[in-house]
PDB file of N, CA and C in Angstrom:
ATOM      1  N   MET A   1     112.379 104.992 125.287  1.00  0.00           N
ATOM      2  CA  MET A   1     111.747 103.947 124.522  1.00  0.00           C
ATOM      3  C   MET A   1     112.422 103.842 123.158  1.00  0.00           C
ATOM      4  N   VAL A   2     112.689 102.643 122.763  1.00  0.00           N
ATOM      5  CA  VAL A   2     113.333 102.391 121.451  1.00  0.00           C
ATOM      6  C   VAL A   2     112.387 101.442 120.698  1.00  0.00           C
ATOM      7  N   SER A   3     112.083 101.782 119.427  1.00  0.00           N
ATOM      8  CA  SER A   3     111.206 100.939 118.598  1.00  0.00           C
ATOM      9  C   SER A   3     111.858 100.659 117.242  1.00  0.00           C
ATOM     10  N   LEU A   4     111.665  99.427 116.803  1.00  0.00           N
ATOM     11  CA  LEU A   4     112.095  99.000 115.484  1.00  0.00           C
ATOM     12  C   LEU A   4     110.927  98.501 114.693  1.00  0.00           C
ATOM     13  N   VAL A   5     110.778  98.949 113.451  1.00  0.00           N
ATOM     14  CA  VAL A   5     109.690  98.531 112.609  1.00  0.00           C
ATOM     15  C   VAL A   5     110.249  97.621 111.541  1.00  0.00           C
ATOM     16  N   TYR A   6     109.676  96.452 111.352  1.00  0.00           N
ATOM     17  CA  TYR A   6     110.062  95.507 110.318  1.00  0.00           C
ATOM     18  C   TYR A   6     109.069  95.589 109.186  1.00  0.00           C
ATOM     19  N   GLY A   7     109.548  95.706 107.973  1.00  0.00           N
ATOM     20  CA  GLY A   7     108.667  95.877 106.808  1.00  0.00           C
ATOM     21  C   GLY A   7     108.942  97.225 106.201  1.00  0.00           C
ATOM     22  N   THR A   8     107.936  97.769 105.563  1.00  0.00           N
ATOM     23  CA  THR A   8     108.040  99.103 104.959  1.00  0.00           C
ATOM     24  C   THR A   8     107.091 100.069 105.657  1.00  0.00           C
ATOM     25  N   PRO A   9     107.249 101.363 105.477  1.00  0.00           N
ATOM     26  CA  PRO A   9     106.294 102.308 106.085  1.00  0.00           C
ATOM     27  C   PRO A   9     104.843 102.060 105.621  1.00  0.00           C
ATOM     28  N   GLU A  10     104.704 101.659 104.368  1.00  0.00           N
ATOM     29  CA  GLU A  10     103.386 101.404 103.817  1.00  0.00           C
ATOM     30  C   GLU A  10     102.817 100.062 104.313  1.00  0.00           C
ATOM     31  N   HIS A  11     103.717  99.093 104.583  1.00  0.00           N
ATOM     32  CA  HIS A  11     103.275  97.748 104.977  1.00  0.00           C
ATOM     33  C   HIS A  11     104.135  97.223 106.096  1.00  0.00           C
ATOM     34  N   PRO A  12     104.003  97.829 107.310  1.00  0.00           N
ATOM     35  CA  PRO A  12     104.766  97.302 108.443  1.00  0.00           C
ATOM     36  C   PRO A  12     104.283  95.885 108.802  1.00  0.00           C
ATOM     37  N   ARG A  13     105.216  94.993 109.096  1.00  0.00           N
ATOM     38  CA  ARG A  13     104.898  93.620 109.421  1.00  0.00           C
ATOM     39  C   ARG A  13     105.012  93.335 110.911  1.00  0.00           C
ATOM     40  N   ALA A  14     105.879  94.060 111.597  1.00  0.00           N
ATOM     41  CA  ALA A  14     106.072  93.855 113.019  1.00  0.00           C
ATOM     42  C   ALA A  14     106.681  95.116 113.619  1.00  0.00           C
ATOM     43  N   LEU A  15     106.388  95.310 114.887  1.00  0.00           N
ATOM     44  CA  LEU A  15     106.943  96.411 115.660  1.00  0.00           C
ATOM     45  C   LEU A  15     107.536  95.849 116.944  1.00  0.00           C
ATOM     46  N   PHE A  16     108.807  96.110 117.170  1.00  0.00           N
ATOM     47  CA  PHE A  16     109.463  95.657 118.409  1.00  0.00           C
ATOM     48  C   PHE A  16     109.888  96.889 119.171  1.00  0.00           C
ATOM     49  N   THR A  17     109.479  96.971 120.457  1.00  0.00           N
ATOM     50  CA  THR A  17     109.755  98.145 121.310  1.00  0.00           C
ATOM     51  C   THR A  17     110.293  97.666 122.628  1.00  0.00           C
ATOM     52  N   GLN A  18     111.245  98.439 123.170  1.00  0.00           N
ATOM     53  CA  GLN A  18     111.677  98.177 124.537  1.00  0.00           C
ATOM     54  C   GLN A  18     111.671  99.512 125.301  1.00  0.00           C
ATOM     55  N   PHE A  19     111.315  99.404 126.588  1.00  0.00           N
ATOM     56  CA  PHE A  19     111.274 100.599 127.434  1.00  0.00           C
ATOM     57  C   PHE A  19     111.537 100.174 128.874  1.00  0.00           C
ATOM     58  N   ARG A  20     111.948 101.136 129.708  1.00  0.00           N
ATOM     59  CA  ARG A  20     112.142 100.840 131.123  1.00  0.00           C
ATOM     60  C   ARG A  20     110.802 100.885 131.800  1.00  0.00           C
ATOM     61  N   GLY A  21     110.483  99.793 132.491  1.00  0.00           N
ATOM     62  CA  GLY A  21     109.237  99.665 133.185  1.00  0.00           C
ATOM     63  C   GLY A  21     109.009  98.202 133.468  1.00  0.00           C
ATOM     64  N   SER A  22     107.997  97.902 134.233  1.00  0.00           N
ATOM     65  CA  SER A  22     107.740  96.529 134.649  1.00  0.00           C
ATOM     66  C   SER A  22     106.395  96.044 134.163  1.00  0.00           C
ATOM     67  N   VAL A  23     106.384  94.818 133.654  1.00  0.00           N
ATOM     68  CA  VAL A  23     105.152  94.181 133.234  1.00  0.00           C
ATOM     69  C   VAL A  23     104.213  94.039 134.435  1.00  0.00           C
ATOM     70  N   GLU A  24     104.805  93.771 135.603  1.00  0.00           N
ATOM     71  CA  GLU A  24     103.986  93.588 136.809  1.00  0.00           C
ATOM     72  C   GLU A  24     103.273  94.895 137.178  1.00  0.00           C
ATOM     73  N   ASP A  25     103.757  96.011 136.739  1.00  0.00           N
ATOM     74  CA  ASP A  25     103.141  97.301 137.040  1.00  0.00           C
ATOM     75  C   ASP A  25     102.177  97.733 135.924  1.00  0.00           C
ATOM     76  N   VAL A  26     102.079  96.893 134.887  1.00  0.00           N
ATOM     77  CA  VAL A  26     101.206  97.278 133.755  1.00  0.00           C
ATOM     78  C   VAL A  26      99.775  97.195 134.173  1.00  0.00           C
ATOM     79  N   ILE A  27      98.987  98.232 133.756  1.00  0.00           N
ATOM     80  CA  ILE A  27      97.552  98.227 133.976  1.00  0.00           C
ATOM     81  C   ILE A  27      96.944  98.149 132.581  1.00  0.00           C
ATOM     82  N   PHE A  28      96.297  97.058 132.306  1.00  0.00           N
ATOM     83  CA  PHE A  28      95.650  96.897 130.982  1.00  0.00           C
ATOM     84  C   PHE A  28      94.289  97.531 130.968  1.00  0.00           C
ATOM     85  N   LYS A  29      93.988  98.210 129.893  1.00  0.00           N
ATOM     86  CA  LYS A  29      92.679  98.797 129.713  1.00  0.00           C
ATOM     87  C   LYS A  29      92.174  98.384 128.333  1.00  0.00           C
ATOM     88  N   LYS A  30      91.186  97.581 128.334  1.00  0.00           N
ATOM     89  CA  LYS A  30      90.573  97.117 127.066  1.00  0.00           C
ATOM     90  C   LYS A  30      89.805  98.260 126.448  1.00  0.00           C
ATOM     91  N   THR A  31      90.073  98.507 125.155  1.00  0.00           N
ATOM     92  CA  THR A  31      89.337  99.559 124.483  1.00  0.00           C
ATOM     93  C   THR A  31      88.292  98.969 123.539  1.00  0.00           C
ATOM     94  N   ALA A  32      88.241  97.660 123.426  1.00  0.00           N
ATOM     95  CA  ALA A  32      87.226  97.012 122.621  1.00  0.00           C
ATOM     96  C   ALA A  32      86.957  95.629 123.179  1.00  0.00           C
ATOM     97  N   ALA A  33      85.721  95.270 123.154  1.00  0.00           N
ATOM     98  CA  ALA A  33      85.374  93.919 123.616  1.00  0.00           C
ATOM     99  C   ALA A  33      86.078  92.899 122.696  1.00  0.00           C
ATOM    100  N   GLY A  34      86.455  91.809 123.251  1.00  0.00           N
ATOM    101  CA  GLY A  34      87.086  90.768 122.467  1.00  0.00           C
ATOM    102  C   GLY A  34      88.589  90.746 122.557  1.00  0.00           C
ATOM    103  N   THR A  35      89.219  91.592 123.369  1.00  0.00           N
ATOM    104  CA  THR A  35      90.651  91.527 123.600  1.00  0.00           C
ATOM    105  C   THR A  35      90.917  90.495 124.689  1.00  0.00           C
ATOM    106  N   GLN A  36      91.739  89.509 124.394  1.00  0.00           N
ATOM    107  CA  GLN A  36      92.085  88.495 125.385  1.00  0.00           C
ATOM    108  C   GLN A  36      93.465  88.725 125.904  1.00  0.00           C
ATOM    109  N   ILE A  37      93.672  88.575 127.221  1.00  0.00           N
ATOM    110  CA  ILE A  37      94.985  88.758 127.853  1.00  0.00           C
ATOM    111  C   ILE A  37      95.350  87.448 128.540  1.00  0.00           C
ATOM    112  N   ASP A  38      96.454  86.840 128.089  1.00  0.00           N
ATOM    113  CA  ASP A  38      96.977  85.606 128.677  1.00  0.00           C
ATOM    114  C   ASP A  38      98.302  85.841 129.365  1.00  0.00           C
ATOM    115  N   SER A  39      98.485  85.336 130.580  1.00  0.00           N
ATOM    116  CA  SER A  39      99.756  85.409 131.267  1.00  0.00           C
ATOM    117  C   SER A  39     100.694  84.396 130.620  1.00  0.00           C
ATOM    118  N   VAL A  40     101.941  84.808 130.342  1.00  0.00           N
ATOM    119  CA  VAL A  40     102.963  83.905 129.775  1.00  0.00           C
ATOM    120  C   VAL A  40     104.283  84.094 130.512  1.00  0.00           C
ATOM    121  N   ARG A  41     105.248  83.233 130.194  1.00  0.00           N
ATOM    122  CA  ARG A  41     106.590  83.445 130.729  1.00  0.00           C
ATOM    123  C   ARG A  41     107.559  83.313 129.564  1.00  0.00           C
ATOM    124  N   VAL A  42     108.540  84.202 129.541  1.00  0.00           N
ATOM    125  CA  VAL A  42     109.609  84.178 128.536  1.00  0.00           C
ATOM    126  C   VAL A  42     110.913  84.068 129.270  1.00  0.00           C
ATOM    127  N   ARG A  43     111.601  82.928 129.111  1.00  0.00           N
ATOM    128  CA  ARG A  43     112.849  82.660 129.825  1.00  0.00           C
ATOM    129  C   ARG A  43     112.688  82.896 131.312  1.00  0.00           C
ATOM    130  N   GLY A  44     111.571  82.478 131.878  1.00  0.00           N
ATOM    131  CA  GLY A  44     111.321  82.571 133.283  1.00  0.00           C
ATOM    132  C   GLY A  44     110.787  83.923 133.767  1.00  0.00           C
ATOM    133  N   GLU A  45     110.693  84.901 132.848  1.00  0.00           N
ATOM    134  CA  GLU A  45     110.227  86.254 133.194  1.00  0.00           C
ATOM    135  C   GLU A  45     108.751  86.403 132.878  1.00  0.00           C
ATOM    136  N   PRO A  46     108.016  87.217 133.640  1.00  0.00           N
ATOM    137  CA  PRO A  46     106.584  87.391 133.400  1.00  0.00           C
ATOM    138  C   PRO A  46     106.287  88.150 132.123  1.00  0.00           C
ATOM    139  N   GLY A  47     105.148  87.835 131.542  1.00  0.00           N
ATOM    140  CA  GLY A  47     104.689  88.576 130.369  1.00  0.00           C
ATOM    141  C   GLY A  47     103.226  88.342 130.106  1.00  0.00           C
ATOM    142  N   TYR A  48     102.751  88.959 129.050  1.00  0.00           N
ATOM    143  CA  TYR A  48     101.332  88.862 128.655  1.00  0.00           C
ATOM    144  C   TYR A  48     101.248  88.822 127.166  1.00  0.00           C
ATOM    145  N   PHE A  49     100.312  87.996 126.656  1.00  0.00           N
ATOM    146  CA  PHE A  49     100.019  87.963 125.236  1.00  0.00           C
ATOM    147  C   PHE A  49      98.604  88.480 125.072  1.00  0.00           C
ATOM    148  N   LEU A  50      98.480  89.575 124.288  1.00  0.00           N
ATOM    149  CA  LEU A  50      97.193  90.196 124.026  1.00  0.00           C
ATOM    150  C   LEU A  50      96.778  89.885 122.610  1.00  0.00           C
ATOM    151  N   SER A  51      95.588  89.370 122.461  1.00  0.00           N
ATOM    152  CA  SER A  51      95.098  89.014 121.134  1.00  0.00           C
ATOM    153  C   SER A  51      93.649  89.432 120.957  1.00  0.00           C
ATOM    154  N   GLY A  52      93.219  89.437 119.719  1.00  0.00           N
ATOM    155  CA  GLY A  52      91.842  89.804 119.450  1.00  0.00           C
ATOM    156  C   GLY A  52      91.754  91.243 118.981  1.00  0.00           C
ATOM    157  N   ASN A  53      90.726  91.935 119.469  1.00  0.00           N
ATOM    158  CA  ASN A  53      90.484  93.295 119.006  1.00  0.00           C
ATOM    159  C   ASN A  53      91.547  94.269 119.487  1.00  0.00           C
ATOM    160  N   PRO A  54      91.632  95.453 118.882  1.00  0.00           N
ATOM    161  CA  PRO A  54      92.607  96.471 119.304  1.00  0.00           C
ATOM    162  C   PRO A  54      92.486  96.800 120.794  1.00  0.00           C
ATOM    163  N   HIS A  55      93.581  97.252 121.370  1.00  0.00           N
ATOM    164  CA  HIS A  55      93.609  97.479 122.809  1.00  0.00           C
ATOM    165  C   HIS A  55      94.653  98.586 123.095  1.00  0.00           C
ATOM    166  N   GLU A  56      94.626  99.023 124.324  1.00  0.00           N
ATOM    167  CA  GLU A  56      95.715  99.894 124.817  1.00  0.00           C
ATOM    168  C   GLU A  56      96.090  99.400 126.180  1.00  0.00           C
ATOM    169  N   PHE A  57      97.266  99.800 126.626  1.00  0.00           N
ATOM    170  CA  PHE A  57      97.657  99.455 128.006  1.00  0.00           C
ATOM    171  C   PHE A  57      98.339 100.654 128.623  1.00  0.00           C
ATOM    172  N   SER A  58      98.307 100.683 129.927  1.00  0.00           N
ATOM    173  CA  SER A  58      98.947 101.755 130.689  1.00  0.00           C
ATOM    174  C   SER A  58      99.918 101.114 131.648  1.00  0.00           C
ATOM    175  N   TYR A  59     100.987 101.886 131.991  1.00  0.00           N
ATOM    176  CA  TYR A  59     101.984 101.374 132.938  1.00  0.00           C
ATOM    177  C   TYR A  59     102.616 102.546 133.635  1.00  0.00           C
ATOM    178  N   PHE A  60     103.369 102.238 134.693  1.00  0.00           N
ATOM    179  CA  PHE A  60     104.127 103.255 135.395  1.00  0.00           C
ATOM    180  C   PHE A  60     105.581 103.067 135.054  1.00  0.00           C
ATOM    181  N   ASP A  61     106.242 104.095 134.536  1.00  0.00           N
ATOM    182  CA  ASP A  61     107.651 103.991 134.176  1.00  0.00           C
ATOM    183  C   ASP A  61     108.522 104.051 135.426  1.00  0.00           C
ATOM    184  N   THR A  62     109.838 104.055 135.216  1.00  0.00           N
ATOM    185  CA  THR A  62     110.780 104.001 136.330  1.00  0.00           C
ATOM    186  C   THR A  62     110.685 105.239 137.244  1.00  0.00           C
ATOM    187  N   ARG A  63     110.138 106.333 136.740  1.00  0.00           N
ATOM    188  CA  ARG A  63     109.980 107.520 137.559  1.00  0.00           C
ATOM    189  C   ARG A  63     108.614 107.535 138.270  1.00  0.00           C
ATOM    190  N   GLY A  64     107.821 106.491 138.029  1.00  0.00           N
ATOM    191  CA  GLY A  64     106.487 106.403 138.625  1.00  0.00           C
ATOM    192  C   GLY A  64     105.468 107.217 137.851  1.00  0.00           C
ATOM    193  N   GLU A  65     105.812 107.624 136.598  1.00  0.00           N
ATOM    194  CA  GLU A  65     104.884 108.403 135.795  1.00  0.00           C
ATOM    195  C   GLU A  65     103.975 107.458 135.012  1.00  0.00           C
ATOM    196  N   TYR A  66     102.706 107.827 134.936  1.00  0.00           N
ATOM    197  CA  TYR A  66     101.699 107.068 134.236  1.00  0.00           C
ATOM    198  C   TYR A  66     101.863 107.263 132.750  1.00  0.00           C
ATOM    199  N   ARG A  67     101.888 106.163 132.001  1.00  0.00           N
ATOM    200  CA  ARG A  67     102.051 106.209 130.565  1.00  0.00           C
ATOM    201  C   ARG A  67     100.982 105.363 129.909  1.00  0.00           C
ATOM    202  N   GLN A  68     100.556 105.737 128.703  1.00  0.00           N
ATOM    203  CA  GLN A  68      99.620 104.955 127.936  1.00  0.00           C
ATOM    204  C   GLN A  68     100.201 104.649 126.582  1.00  0.00           C
ATOM    205  N   GLU A  69      99.979 103.451 126.126  1.00  0.00           N
ATOM    206  CA  GLU A  69     100.419 103.027 124.779  1.00  0.00           C
ATOM    207  C   GLU A  69      99.228 102.372 124.076  1.00  0.00           C
ATOM    208  N   ILE A  70      99.148 102.577 122.802  1.00  0.00           N
ATOM    209  CA  ILE A  70      98.099 101.921 122.017  1.00  0.00           C
ATOM    210  C   ILE A  70      98.748 100.998 120.996  1.00  0.00           C
ATOM    211  N   VAL A  71      97.966 100.083 120.525  1.00  0.00           N
ATOM    212  CA  VAL A  71      98.461  99.177 119.500  1.00  0.00           C
ATOM    213  C   VAL A  71      98.739 100.017 118.263  1.00  0.00           C
ATOM    214  N   ARG A  72      99.895  99.763 117.637  1.00  0.00           N
ATOM    215  CA  ARG A  72     100.264 100.548 116.471  1.00  0.00           C
ATOM    216  C   ARG A  72     100.066  99.802 115.139  1.00  0.00           C
ATOM    217  N   LEU A  73      99.984  98.501 115.239  1.00  0.00           N
ATOM    218  CA  LEU A  73      99.756  97.658 114.041  1.00  0.00           C
ATOM    219  C   LEU A  73      98.549  96.822 114.274  1.00  0.00           C
ATOM    220  N   ALA A  74      97.964  96.347 113.180  1.00  0.00           N
ATOM    221  CA  ALA A  74      96.892  95.369 113.318  1.00  0.00           C
ATOM    222  C   ALA A  74      97.554  94.051 113.596  1.00  0.00           C
ATOM    223  N   GLY A  75      97.599  93.693 114.851  1.00  0.00           N
ATOM    224  CA  GLY A  75      98.239  92.432 115.202  1.00  0.00           C
ATOM    225  C   GLY A  75      98.171  92.204 116.701  1.00  0.00           C
ATOM    226  N   ASN A  76      98.598  91.039 117.082  1.00  0.00           N
ATOM    227  CA  ASN A  76      98.648  90.679 118.490  1.00  0.00           C
ATOM    228  C   ASN A  76      99.885  91.232 119.123  1.00  0.00           C
ATOM    229  N   THR A  77      99.910  91.298 120.454  1.00  0.00           N
ATOM    230  CA  THR A  77     101.014  91.887 121.179  1.00  0.00           C
ATOM    231  C   THR A  77     101.507  90.972 122.258  1.00  0.00           C
ATOM    232  N   LEU A  78     102.804  90.808 122.346  1.00  0.00           N
ATOM    233  CA  LEU A  78     103.472  90.115 123.444  1.00  0.00           C
ATOM    234  C   LEU A  78     104.292  91.117 124.226  1.00  0.00           C
ATOM    235  N   LEU A  79     104.041  91.190 125.532  1.00  0.00           N
ATOM    236  CA  LEU A  79     104.842  92.047 126.435  1.00  0.00           C
ATOM    237  C   LEU A  79     105.545  91.137 127.421  1.00  0.00           C
ATOM    238  N   TRP A  80     106.874  91.398 127.644  1.00  0.00           N
ATOM    239  CA  TRP A  80     107.597  90.589 128.605  1.00  0.00           C
ATOM    240  C   TRP A  80     108.765  91.381 129.178  1.00  0.00           C
ATOM    241  N   GLU A  81     109.246  90.937 130.335  1.00  0.00           N
ATOM    242  CA  GLU A  81     110.341  91.617 130.976  1.00  0.00           C
ATOM    243  C   GLU A  81     111.662  90.945 130.678  1.00  0.00           C
ATOM    244  N   ARG A  82     112.706  91.763 130.673  1.00  0.00           N
ATOM    245  CA  ARG A  82     114.075  91.284 130.643  1.00  0.00           C
ATOM    246  C   ARG A  82     114.889  92.259 131.466  1.00  0.00           C
ATOM    247  N   GLY A  83     115.161  91.855 132.720  1.00  0.00           N
ATOM    248  CA  GLY A  83     115.849  92.759 133.635  1.00  0.00           C
ATOM    249  C   GLY A  83     114.958  93.969 133.887  1.00  0.00           C
ATOM    250  N   PRO A  84     115.538  95.223 133.775  1.00  0.00           N
ATOM    251  CA  PRO A  84     114.770  96.425 134.046  1.00  0.00           C
ATOM    252  C   PRO A  84     113.908  96.864 132.875  1.00  0.00           C
ATOM    253  N   LEU A  85     113.957  96.094 131.744  1.00  0.00           N
ATOM    254  CA  LEU A  85     113.251  96.502 130.537  1.00  0.00           C
ATOM    255  C   LEU A  85     111.976  95.690 130.337  1.00  0.00           C
ATOM    256  N   THR A  86     110.993  96.316 129.724  1.00  0.00           N
ATOM    257  CA  THR A  86     109.870  95.625 129.174  1.00  0.00           C
ATOM    258  C   THR A  86     109.987  95.640 127.681  1.00  0.00           C
ATOM    259  N   LEU A  87     109.775  94.486 127.054  1.00  0.00           N
ATOM    260  CA  LEU A  87     109.879  94.369 125.620  1.00  0.00           C
ATOM    261  C   LEU A  87     108.468  94.109 125.062  1.00  0.00           C
ATOM    262  N   ARG A  88     108.226  94.634 123.903  1.00  0.00           N
ATOM    263  CA  ARG A  88     106.876  94.540 123.307  1.00  0.00           C
ATOM    264  C   ARG A  88     107.011  94.184 121.867  1.00  0.00           C
ATOM    265  N   LEU A  89     106.325  93.123 121.422  1.00  0.00           N
ATOM    266  CA  LEU A  89     106.306  92.680 120.030  1.00  0.00           C
ATOM    267  C   LEU A  89     104.897  92.740 119.533  1.00  0.00           C
ATOM    268  N   GLU A  90     104.668  93.504 118.488  1.00  0.00           N
ATOM    269  CA  GLU A  90     103.345  93.558 117.835  1.00  0.00           C
ATOM    270  C   GLU A  90     103.463  93.008 116.437  1.00  0.00           C
ATOM    271  N   ALA A  91     102.654  92.046 116.089  1.00  0.00           N
ATOM    272  CA  ALA A  91     102.669  91.470 114.738  1.00  0.00           C
ATOM    273  C   ALA A  91     101.421  90.609 114.536  1.00  0.00           C
ATOM    274  N   ASP A  92     101.142  90.284 113.309  1.00  0.00           N
ATOM    275  CA  ASP A  92     100.007  89.405 113.023  1.00  0.00           C
ATOM    276  C   ASP A  92     100.487  87.970 113.123  1.00  0.00           C
ATOM    277  N   ILE A  93     100.784  87.547 114.362  1.00  0.00           N
ATOM    278  CA  ILE A  93     101.249  86.190 114.642  1.00  0.00           C
ATOM    279  C   ILE A  93     100.507  85.671 115.868  1.00  0.00           C
ATOM    280  N   ASN A  94     100.575  84.319 116.026  1.00  0.00           N
ATOM    281  CA  ASN A  94      99.916  83.749 117.199  1.00  0.00           C
ATOM    282  C   ASN A  94     100.864  83.718 118.402  1.00  0.00           C
ATOM    283  N   GLU A  95     100.329  83.229 119.512  1.00  0.00           N
ATOM    284  CA  GLU A  95     101.130  83.242 120.776  1.00  0.00           C
ATOM    285  C   GLU A  95     102.376  82.378 120.650  1.00  0.00           C
ATOM    286  N   GLU A  96     102.250  81.194 120.059  1.00  0.00           N
ATOM    287  CA  GLU A  96     103.417  80.308 119.910  1.00  0.00           C
ATOM    288  C   GLU A  96     104.502  80.982 119.087  1.00  0.00           C
ATOM    289  N   GLU A  97     104.159  81.609 117.966  1.00  0.00           N
ATOM    290  CA  GLU A  97     105.149  82.308 117.129  1.00  0.00           C
ATOM    291  C   GLU A  97     105.771  83.474 117.882  1.00  0.00           C
ATOM    292  N   ALA A  98     104.958  84.239 118.616  1.00  0.00           N
ATOM    293  CA  ALA A  98     105.478  85.366 119.371  1.00  0.00           C
ATOM    294  C   ALA A  98     106.475  84.920 120.448  1.00  0.00           C
ATOM    295  N   LEU A  99     106.133  83.847 121.173  1.00  0.00           N
ATOM    296  CA  LEU A  99     107.037  83.331 122.198  1.00  0.00           C
ATOM    297  C   LEU A  99     108.350  82.837 121.583  1.00  0.00           C
ATOM    298  N   LYS A 100     108.300  82.210 120.433  1.00  0.00           N
ATOM    299  CA  LYS A 100     109.503  81.732 119.752  1.00  0.00           C
ATOM    300  C   LYS A 100     110.419  82.926 119.435  1.00  0.00           C
ATOM    301  N   ILE A 101     109.848  84.004 118.916  1.00  0.00           N
ATOM    302  CA  ILE A 101     110.638  85.214 118.611  1.00  0.00           C
ATOM    303  C   ILE A 101     111.204  85.792 119.902  1.00  0.00           C
ATOM    304  N   ALA A 102     110.375  85.899 120.930  1.00  0.00           N
ATOM    305  CA  ALA A 102     110.829  86.474 122.226  1.00  0.00           C
ATOM    306  C   ALA A 102     111.999  85.696 122.793  1.00  0.00           C
ATOM    307  N   ARG A 103     111.952  84.386 122.722  1.00  0.00           N
ATOM    308  CA  ARG A 103     113.019  83.574 123.260  1.00  0.00           C
ATOM    309  C   ARG A 103     114.348  83.738 122.484  1.00  0.00           C
ATOM    310  N   SER A 104     114.263  84.260 121.249  1.00  0.00           N
ATOM    311  CA  SER A 104     115.445  84.456 120.448  1.00  0.00           C
ATOM    312  C   SER A 104     116.113  85.793 120.720  1.00  0.00           C
ATOM    313  N   VAL A 105     115.448  86.699 121.438  1.00  0.00           N
ATOM    314  CA  VAL A 105     115.977  88.015 121.731  1.00  0.00           C
ATOM    315  C   VAL A 105     117.010  87.895 122.848  1.00  0.00           C
ATOM    316  N   HIS A 106     118.195  88.424 122.598  1.00  0.00           N
ATOM    317  CA  HIS A 106     119.260  88.362 123.600  1.00  0.00           C
ATOM    318  C   HIS A 106     119.611  89.723 124.118  1.00  0.00           C
TER     319      HIS A 106
END
C-alpha cells in the first residue's frame, strides 16, 4: 500500500492511497448510520463514492487475506480500480470533484 498526504501533518487536506486488490471484492461495513455508498465508474472501471458519516471498509487482497481500513480524514472517500490496483481518495469534496480528480490520475 502506498499513501500520499496532501497538506500538512496538522491540517491534512486529502489522502490518496493505492493498493493491490479489487473494488468488486470490497466488503463495506458501515460503522455509523448515515454513510451513503454510491456505485460510480472512473474511466469505465468500477468504483464507489462513500459520503456522510465516518465508515470503514474491508476487502480481500491479492493473497486472499482479509483487510480492514478506516477513514483517516474527515471527508468523503472515492474508491476505484485501475488494472490490478484499487485507488482511494479521501477529502472534504463532493462526488463530482472526486471523480474529476480520479479521471486526472494516470
